[in-house]
Protein backbone atom coordinates (compact mmCIF):
# COMPACT_ATOMS: atom_id res chain seq x y z
CA MET A 1 -95.94 21.82 35.86
CA ASP A 2 -95.40 18.24 37.07
CA ALA A 3 -91.78 17.70 38.19
CA ALA A 4 -91.82 14.20 36.68
CA ALA A 5 -93.02 15.41 33.27
CA PRO A 6 -90.39 15.18 30.54
CA THR A 7 -88.96 18.48 29.35
CA ASP A 8 -88.78 19.54 25.75
CA PRO A 9 -85.53 18.53 24.07
CA VAL A 10 -82.81 21.17 23.87
CA LYS A 11 -80.74 21.28 20.69
CA VAL A 12 -76.99 21.03 21.19
CA ARG A 13 -74.32 21.43 18.53
CA VAL A 14 -71.14 19.43 19.19
CA THR A 15 -68.02 18.56 17.24
CA VAL A 16 -66.57 15.07 17.40
CA PHE A 17 -63.52 14.13 15.36
CA ASN A 18 -63.88 17.23 13.19
CA GLN A 19 -67.53 16.47 12.40
CA VAL A 20 -70.38 18.68 13.60
CA TYR A 21 -73.45 16.98 15.03
CA ASN A 22 -76.76 18.60 15.93
CA LEU A 23 -78.15 16.58 18.83
CA ALA A 24 -81.02 16.95 21.24
CA THR A 25 -81.21 16.22 24.95
CA THR A 26 -83.82 16.46 27.64
CA GLY A 27 -81.01 16.54 30.18
CA ASP A 28 -78.33 19.06 30.93
CA PRO A 29 -76.78 20.24 27.63
CA SER A 30 -73.38 20.63 29.29
CA GLU A 31 -73.39 16.90 30.09
CA LEU A 32 -73.98 16.07 26.42
CA GLU A 33 -71.20 18.48 25.45
CA GLU A 34 -68.87 16.76 27.95
CA CYS A 35 -69.71 13.35 26.49
CA ALA A 36 -68.93 14.64 23.00
CA ARG A 37 -65.65 16.12 24.24
CA ARG A 38 -64.64 12.80 25.79
CA VAL A 39 -65.45 10.89 22.60
CA ASP A 40 -63.52 13.46 20.57
CA VAL A 41 -60.47 13.16 22.83
CA LEU A 42 -60.62 9.35 22.67
CA MET A 43 -61.00 9.22 18.89
CA THR A 44 -58.18 11.73 18.43
CA ALA A 45 -55.89 9.63 20.65
CA ILE A 46 -56.76 6.47 18.71
CA ALA A 47 -56.12 8.25 15.40
CA ARG A 48 -52.59 9.13 16.54
CA GLY A 49 -51.85 5.41 16.88
CA GLY A 50 -51.95 4.60 13.19
CA ASN A 51 -53.37 5.17 9.74
CA LEU A 52 -57.02 4.22 10.33
CA ASP A 53 -60.16 5.50 8.67
CA ALA A 54 -62.81 7.28 10.72
CA GLY A 55 -65.09 4.23 10.78
CA ARG A 56 -62.43 2.02 12.34
CA ILE A 57 -61.51 4.74 14.81
CA ALA A 58 -65.18 5.04 15.82
CA VAL A 59 -65.47 1.26 16.31
CA LEU A 60 -62.31 1.17 18.42
CA ALA A 61 -63.61 4.08 20.51
CA ALA A 62 -66.94 2.30 20.96
CA MET A 63 -65.14 -0.90 22.01
CA HIS A 64 -63.06 1.06 24.52
CA LEU A 65 -66.15 2.72 25.99
CA ALA A 66 -68.05 -0.59 26.07
CA ASP A 67 -65.15 -2.17 27.98
CA GLN A 68 -65.17 0.71 30.47
CA LEU A 69 -68.91 0.28 30.94
CA ARG A 70 -68.50 -3.49 31.45
CA GLN A 71 -65.87 -2.89 34.12
CA ILE A 72 -68.10 -0.35 35.88
CA GLU A 73 -71.06 -2.74 35.75
CA GLN A 74 -68.94 -5.51 37.25
CA ALA A 75 -67.74 -3.19 40.03
CA GLN A 76 -71.34 -2.12 40.67
CA GLY A 77 -72.36 -5.79 40.92
CA ARG A 78 -69.66 -6.40 43.51
CA LEU A 79 -70.77 -3.35 45.47
CA ASP A 80 -74.40 -4.49 45.34
CA THR A 81 -73.34 -7.86 46.74
CA VAL A 82 -71.47 -6.19 49.60
CA VAL A 83 -74.42 -3.92 50.37
CA ARG A 84 -76.84 -6.87 50.44
CA ARG A 85 -74.51 -8.76 52.76
CA LEU A 86 -74.14 -5.74 55.06
CA GLU A 87 -77.92 -5.31 55.14
CA GLN A 88 -78.25 -8.97 56.03
CA VAL A 89 -75.70 -8.69 58.83
CA MET A 90 -77.30 -5.48 60.14
CA GLY A 91 -80.68 -7.22 60.14
CA GLU A 92 -79.22 -10.09 62.18
CA VAL A 93 -77.63 -7.64 64.66
CA GLU A 94 -80.84 -5.63 65.06
CA GLY A 95 -83.10 -8.68 65.19
């Protein structure tokens, strides 16, 4: 079997905010379960903050995760800039 060939999806049952979801992944099922656990923890924490319906809690959780992703992308951009600069300096030193 070709190592690059996609694998068949594995079904994973997770619970997020007291709702059961049947999902599928071609990756490691434990990683999907960990993602679901993190979302569940986040939504539960948001729910403790006030009397919000599940839809609003989900949107606030999504906004929180989107902000975390944005911050990580910005940090990655800064790291990429540093790496390019170091490669440039190393090229000047070697050349």
